[in-house]
Amino acid sequence: MKRALPPSEPTHSRPTAPDVDAAILDLLARLPLTWKPLDVDGLSAVEQEALLLLTAGGLVERRFSVRLQLIGQTMAIEATVTATGEYGLVEGFEPVAKAAWQAWAGEYLRSKAGEPQNQPSFHCEPLGPQQARLSKDGQQARADVEAGRTRTVLDFLHRRTLVFTGKVVCGYGRAEKIETRPTPTQPVQVELINTGPMAALAETVQKLFDAQAKAQQAQGADEVITAEVAASQYGITKKTIRHRVKKGDFRDFRPAGAASNAKLVVSRADIERFYTRLK
């Protein structure tokens, strides 16, 4: 994912550079200085490409509210995230992913250890319209255009000239609200597909979850599993696992940020020091 906030997939040929430049200047002139709703789906392909460049260049901030679900689960994470720049989306979604990990660590690890067709995946849907505004750098860019320095602004966004070639605007992102709540409808099923910007958000959370799972495993340099997996593969109960954790026989692999190991995530190696895997 090279850019933080990709537009919806265009339905025709890629816009030409002159058309994109005209759309950049138009959006730069009319986007608000304070948060206002932005109908991204109503933009043309040229305007969406222009918005993408403005966002990646840190000139436009975008705010969106989303509902994230681990497919098959009855709880959802609802969050509002603000982001700009190349990596703003990842930064803004990190605390959302941490909240999701705390809610779904057990289910995620259990699915991860299961059959290939049952591997965990996420669904993301928008809640209400996106919002947008010019960042401080965007306001300066508007002033530069008004002062006749249009070429400098366009060169910056397209990474042209020696001054801007290879330059990456990392940007910033922040989660303004995170809530865990029951889903308002039935749990989403596997056939529901993420599209457009929602696909990028779901992919971001998937990567952050995978990284968290690897970090969890690295703590003990072995595989970590849930109590449900331990029960089915070794025939031991949650009560026994809790007892062993309390005695110090099993390490406590609590999810990051959790007050306790409520999901009972433990080390397979610890279990196999005391129990034999069932046939």
Protein backbone atom coordinates (compact mmCIF):
# COMPACT_ATOMS: atom_id res chain seq x y z
CA MET A 1 0.00 0.00 0.00
CA LYS A 2 1.89 2.98 -1.29
CA ARG A 3 -0.64 5.64 -0.41
CA ALA A 4 -2.74 6.06 2.65
CA LEU A 5 -6.20 6.78 1.26
CA PRO A 6 -6.82 5.33 -2.18
CA PRO A 7 -9.97 6.42 -4.05
CA SER A 8 -12.69 4.13 -5.31
CA GLU A 9 -11.66 2.15 -8.34
CA PRO A 10 -12.14 4.22 -11.54
CA THR A 11 -14.30 2.63 -14.21
CA HIS A 12 -12.42 4.00 -17.23
CA SER A 13 -8.94 4.89 -18.43
CA ARG A 14 -6.46 6.63 -16.18
CA PRO A 15 -6.86 10.45 -16.15
CA THR A 16 -4.34 12.47 -18.13
CA ALA A 17 -1.79 14.66 -16.32
CA PRO A 18 -3.25 18.01 -17.53
CA ASP A 19 -6.74 16.98 -16.38
CA VAL A 20 -5.40 15.88 -12.98
CA ASP A 21 -3.48 19.14 -12.58
CA ALA A 22 -6.63 21.14 -13.32
CA ALA A 23 -8.56 19.06 -10.76
CA ILE A 24 -5.80 19.56 -8.15
CA LEU A 25 -5.99 23.32 -8.53
CA ASP A 26 -9.79 23.27 -8.46
CA LEU A 27 -9.92 21.18 -5.26
CA LEU A 28 -7.18 23.23 -3.66
CA ALA A 29 -9.23 26.36 -4.31
CA ARG A 30 -12.57 25.05 -3.03
CA LEU A 31 -11.86 22.58 -0.25
CA PRO A 32 -12.76 24.09 3.15
CA LEU A 33 -10.47 25.14 5.97
CA THR A 34 -12.75 23.45 8.52
CA TRP A 35 -14.24 19.96 8.45
CA LYS A 36 -17.01 19.57 5.86
CA PRO A 37 -18.64 16.46 4.36
CA LEU A 38 -17.01 15.21 1.16
CA ASP A 39 -18.86 12.93 -1.26
CA VAL A 40 -15.87 10.94 -2.49
CA ASP A 41 -18.02 8.54 -4.52
CA GLY A 42 -19.55 11.53 -6.29
CA LEU A 43 -16.15 12.75 -7.53
CA SER A 44 -15.03 11.96 -11.05
CA ALA A 45 -12.06 9.67 -11.65
CA VAL A 46 -9.92 12.75 -12.34
CA GLU A 47 -11.01 14.41 -9.10
CA GLN A 48 -10.38 11.24 -7.12
CA GLU A 49 -6.85 11.01 -8.52
CA ALA A 50 -6.29 14.66 -7.62
CA LEU A 51 -7.64 14.10 -4.09
CA LEU A 52 -5.33 11.12 -3.70
CA LEU A 53 -2.29 13.23 -4.61
CA LEU A 54 -3.37 16.09 -2.33
CA THR A 55 -3.84 13.67 0.57
CA ALA A 56 -0.58 11.80 -0.05
CA GLY A 57 1.20 15.16 -0.21
CA GLY A 58 -0.15 16.20 3.19
CA LEU A 59 -2.17 19.10 1.78
CA VAL A 60 -5.58 17.62 2.60
CA GLU A 61 -6.72 15.93 5.82
CA ARG A 62 -9.51 13.38 5.64
CA ARG A 63 -11.72 12.10 8.43
CA PHE A 64 -13.87 9.01 8.23
CA SER A 65 -15.88 6.81 10.57
CA VAL A 66 -15.88 3.07 10.02
CA ARG A 67 -17.21 -0.17 11.49
CA LEU A 68 -14.65 -2.99 11.60
CA GLN A 69 -15.62 -6.63 12.10
CA LEU A 70 -13.77 -9.91 12.31
CA ILE A 71 -15.90 -12.02 9.99
CA GLY A 72 -18.19 -14.32 11.96
CA GLN A 73 -17.97 -12.39 15.26
CA THR A 74 -20.86 -10.56 16.94
CA MET A 75 -18.83 -7.59 18.25
CA ALA A 76 -17.65 -4.68 16.11
CA ILE A 77 -15.15 -1.87 16.52
CA GLU A 78 -16.46 1.55 15.50
CA ALA A 79 -13.85 4.27 15.09
CA THR A 80 -13.31 7.74 13.69
CA VAL A 81 -9.87 8.30 12.16
CA THR A 82 -8.18 11.40 10.75
CA ALA A 83 -5.24 10.97 8.38
CA THR A 84 -3.07 12.65 5.80
CA GLY A 85 0.20 11.79 4.05
CA GLU A 86 1.58 8.50 2.79
CA TYR A 87 1.49 6.67 6.14
CA GLY A 88 -1.20 8.55 8.04
CA LEU A 89 -3.73 5.78 7.63
CA VAL A 90 -1.46 3.19 9.25
CA GLU A 91 -0.63 5.50 12.16
CA GLY A 92 -4.27 6.42 12.69
CA PHE A 93 -5.42 2.81 12.64
CA GLU A 94 -2.80 1.43 15.03
CA PRO A 95 -4.86 2.17 18.19
CA VAL A 96 -7.96 0.82 16.43
CA ALA A 97 -6.10 -2.40 15.65
CA LYS A 98 -4.94 -2.64 19.28
CA ALA A 99 -8.54 -2.32 20.50
CA ALA A 100 -9.58 -4.96 17.97
CA TRP A 101 -6.75 -7.26 19.09
CA GLN A 102 -7.91 -7.03 22.68
CA ALA A 103 -11.45 -7.89 21.60
CA TRP A 104 -10.62 -10.67 19.13
CA ALA A 105 -7.18 -12.08 19.97
CA GLY A 106 -8.51 -15.47 20.97
CA GLU A 107 -10.81 -15.88 17.98
CA TYR A 108 -8.13 -14.62 15.59
CA LEU A 109 -5.42 -16.98 16.85
CA ARG A 110 -7.82 -19.92 16.88
CA SER A 111 -8.80 -19.27 13.25
CA LYS A 112 -5.17 -18.70 12.30
CA ALA A 113 -4.32 -22.16 13.59
CA GLY A 114 -7.26 -23.74 11.77
CA GLU A 115 -7.97 -24.92 8.26
CA PRO A 116 -6.94 -22.74 5.27
CA GLN A 117 -10.57 -22.06 4.34
CA ASN A 118 -11.26 -20.74 7.85
CA GLN A 119 -8.42 -18.21 8.08
CA PRO A 120 -9.45 -14.95 9.80
CA SER A 121 -10.40 -11.94 7.70
CA PHE A 122 -11.90 -8.52 8.32
CA HIS A 123 -14.76 -6.51 6.89
CA CYS A 124 -14.81 -2.72 7.00
CA GLU A 125 -17.74 -0.46 6.16
CA PRO A 126 -18.18 3.32 6.26
CA LEU A 127 -20.37 5.03 8.85
CA GLY A 128 -21.65 8.25 7.36
CA PRO A 129 -19.87 10.49 4.83
CA GLN A 130 -16.18 11.28 4.82
CA GLN A 131 -15.04 14.76 5.77
CA ALA A 132 -12.12 16.78 4.43
CA ARG A 133 -10.28 20.06 4.99
CA LEU A 134 -7.06 21.70 3.92
CA SER A 135 -4.16 21.11 6.28
CA LYS A 136 -1.89 24.00 7.24
CA ASP A 137 0.42 22.98 4.41
CA GLY A 138 -2.60 22.90 2.12
CA GLN A 139 -3.52 26.43 3.11
CA GLN A 140 0.04 27.51 2.31
CA ALA A 141 -0.17 25.71 -1.05
CA ARG A 142 -3.40 27.58 -1.85
CA ALA A 143 -1.64 30.85 -1.05
CA ASP A 144 1.29 29.83 -3.28
CA VAL A 145 -1.07 29.17 -6.19
CA GLU A 146 -2.80 32.51 -5.65
CA ALA A 147 0.63 34.16 -5.68
CA GLY A 148 1.49 32.61 -9.05
CA ARG A 149 3.63 29.70 -7.80
CA THR A 150 1.37 27.04 -9.30
CA ARG A 151 4.19 25.06 -10.90
CA THR A 152 5.99 24.64 -7.58
CA VAL A 153 2.88 23.16 -5.96
CA LEU A 154 2.28 20.75 -8.86
CA ASP A 155 5.93 19.73 -9.00
CA PHE A 156 5.78 18.93 -5.29
CA LEU A 157 2.67 16.76 -5.62
CA HIS A 158 4.04 14.90 -8.64
CA ARG A 159 7.53 14.57 -7.06
CA ARG A 160 9.14 16.38 -9.98
CA THR A 161 12.46 18.27 -10.08
CA LEU A 162 15.53 17.46 -8.02
CA VAL A 163 14.06 19.24 -5.00
CA PHE A 164 11.07 16.92 -4.74
CA THR A 165 12.15 13.67 -6.45
CA GLY A 166 11.96 10.79 -3.99
CA LYS A 167 10.48 12.97 -1.27
CA VAL A 168 7.85 11.17 0.85
CA VAL A 169 5.40 13.02 3.07
CA CYS A 170 4.86 10.55 5.91
CA GLY A 171 2.00 12.62 7.28
CA TYR A 172 0.14 11.75 10.45
CA GLY A 173 -2.94 9.92 11.62
CA ARG A 174 -4.93 9.74 14.82
CA ALA A 175 -7.95 7.85 16.12
CA GLU A 176 -10.43 10.31 17.57
CA LYS A 177 -12.98 7.76 18.81
CA ILE A 178 -12.89 3.99 19.35
CA GLU A 179 -15.85 1.99 20.64
CA THR A 180 -16.50 -1.74 20.93
CA ARG A 181 -20.15 -2.68 20.62
CA PRO A 182 -22.45 -5.49 19.44
CA THR A 183 -23.09 -5.50 15.72
CA PRO A 184 -26.44 -3.95 14.79
CA THR A 185 -27.15 -6.84 12.39
CA GLN A 186 -26.14 -10.47 11.94
CA PRO A 187 -22.36 -11.14 11.87
CA VAL A 188 -20.91 -10.54 8.42
CA GLN A 189 -20.19 -13.62 6.37
CA VAL A 190 -17.24 -14.58 4.21
CA GLU A 191 -18.92 -13.65 0.93
CA LEU A 192 -18.96 -9.94 1.82
CA ILE A 193 -16.04 -8.25 0.07
CA ASN A 194 -14.26 -5.03 0.98
CA THR A 195 -14.11 -2.55 -1.90
CA GLY A 196 -12.46 0.79 -2.61
CA PRO A 197 -11.00 2.62 0.41
CA MET A 198 -12.57 0.07 2.77
CA ALA A 199 -10.41 -2.65 1.22
CA ALA A 200 -7.30 -0.64 2.09
CA LEU A 201 -8.48 -0.20 5.68
CA ALA A 202 -9.24 -3.91 6.10
CA GLU A 203 -5.84 -4.75 4.61
CA THR A 204 -4.14 -2.36 7.03
CA VAL A 205 -5.82 -4.00 10.04
CA GLN A 206 -4.98 -7.47 8.69
CA LYS A 207 -1.28 -6.54 8.46
CA LEU A 208 -1.28 -5.01 11.95
CA PHE A 209 -2.97 -8.14 13.36
CA ASP A 210 -0.43 -10.38 11.65
CA ALA A 211 2.40 -8.29 13.11
CA GLN A 212 0.83 -8.44 16.58
CA ALA A 213 0.48 -12.22 16.35
CA LYS A 214 4.15 -12.55 15.35
CA ALA A 215 5.21 -10.25 18.21
CA GLN A 216 3.10 -12.30 20.62
CA GLN A 217 4.77 -15.48 19.42
CA ALA A 218 8.26 -13.92 19.60
CA GLN A 219 7.81 -13.26 23.33
CA GLY A 220 8.25 -16.97 23.92
CA ALA A 221 9.98 -17.94 20.67
CA ASP A 222 7.22 -20.53 20.14
CA GLU A 223 3.62 -20.81 18.99
CA VAL A 224 0.86 -19.31 21.10
CA ILE A 225 -2.63 -20.83 21.09
CA THR A 226 -5.97 -20.15 22.75
CA ALA A 227 -7.65 -22.14 25.49
CA GLU A 228 -10.16 -23.47 22.95
CA VAL A 229 -7.35 -24.88 20.79
CA ALA A 230 -5.65 -26.34 23.89
CA ALA A 231 -8.89 -28.01 24.94
CA SER A 232 -9.49 -29.60 21.55
CA GLN A 233 -5.89 -30.69 20.94
CA TYR A 234 -4.74 -31.61 24.47
CA GLY A 235 -7.97 -32.23 26.38
CA ILE A 236 -7.29 -29.66 29.14
CA THR A 237 -9.89 -27.24 30.49
CA LYS A 238 -9.80 -23.48 30.92
CA LYS A 239 -9.86 -24.05 34.67
CA THR A 240 -6.69 -26.12 34.42
CA ILE A 241 -5.02 -23.51 32.21
CA ARG A 242 -5.87 -20.74 34.70
CA HIS A 243 -4.48 -22.88 37.52
CA ARG A 244 -1.24 -23.54 35.61
CA VAL A 245 -0.87 -19.83 34.78
CA LYS A 246 -1.35 -18.93 38.43
CA LYS A 247 1.26 -21.51 39.49
CA GLY A 248 3.70 -20.20 36.91
CA ASP A 249 3.74 -23.38 34.81
CA PHE A 250 2.27 -21.52 31.81
CA ARG A 251 3.35 -18.06 30.71
CA ASP A 252 0.64 -15.40 30.54
CA PHE A 253 0.44 -14.18 26.92
CA ARG A 254 -2.10 -11.47 27.52
CA PRO A 255 -3.11 -9.34 24.51
CA ALA A 256 -1.30 -6.00 24.24
CA GLY A 257 -3.03 -3.39 26.37
CA ALA A 258 -5.26 -5.90 28.17
CA ALA A 259 -5.50 -5.82 31.97
CA SER A 260 -5.65 -9.61 32.11
CA ASN A 261 -5.33 -12.64 29.88
CA ALA A 262 -9.10 -13.01 29.52
CA LYS A 263 -8.73 -14.84 26.20
CA LEU A 264 -6.33 -17.38 27.79
CA VAL A 265 -3.62 -17.21 25.15
CA VAL A 266 -0.81 -19.59 26.17
CA SER A 267 2.33 -21.21 24.78
CA ARG A 268 2.04 -24.57 23.03
CA ALA A 269 5.54 -25.45 24.26
CA ASP A 270 4.44 -24.81 27.87
CA ILE A 271 1.46 -27.12 27.44
CA GLU A 272 3.56 -29.89 25.89
CA ARG A 273 5.83 -29.94 28.94
CA PHE A 274 2.86 -31.39 30.85
CA TYR A 275 0.41 -32.82 28.31
CA THR A 276 0.49 -34.95 25.17
CA ARG A 277 -1.32 -33.91 22.03
CA LEU A 278 -4.43 -36.00 21.35
CA LYS A 279 -4.41 -38.31 18.34
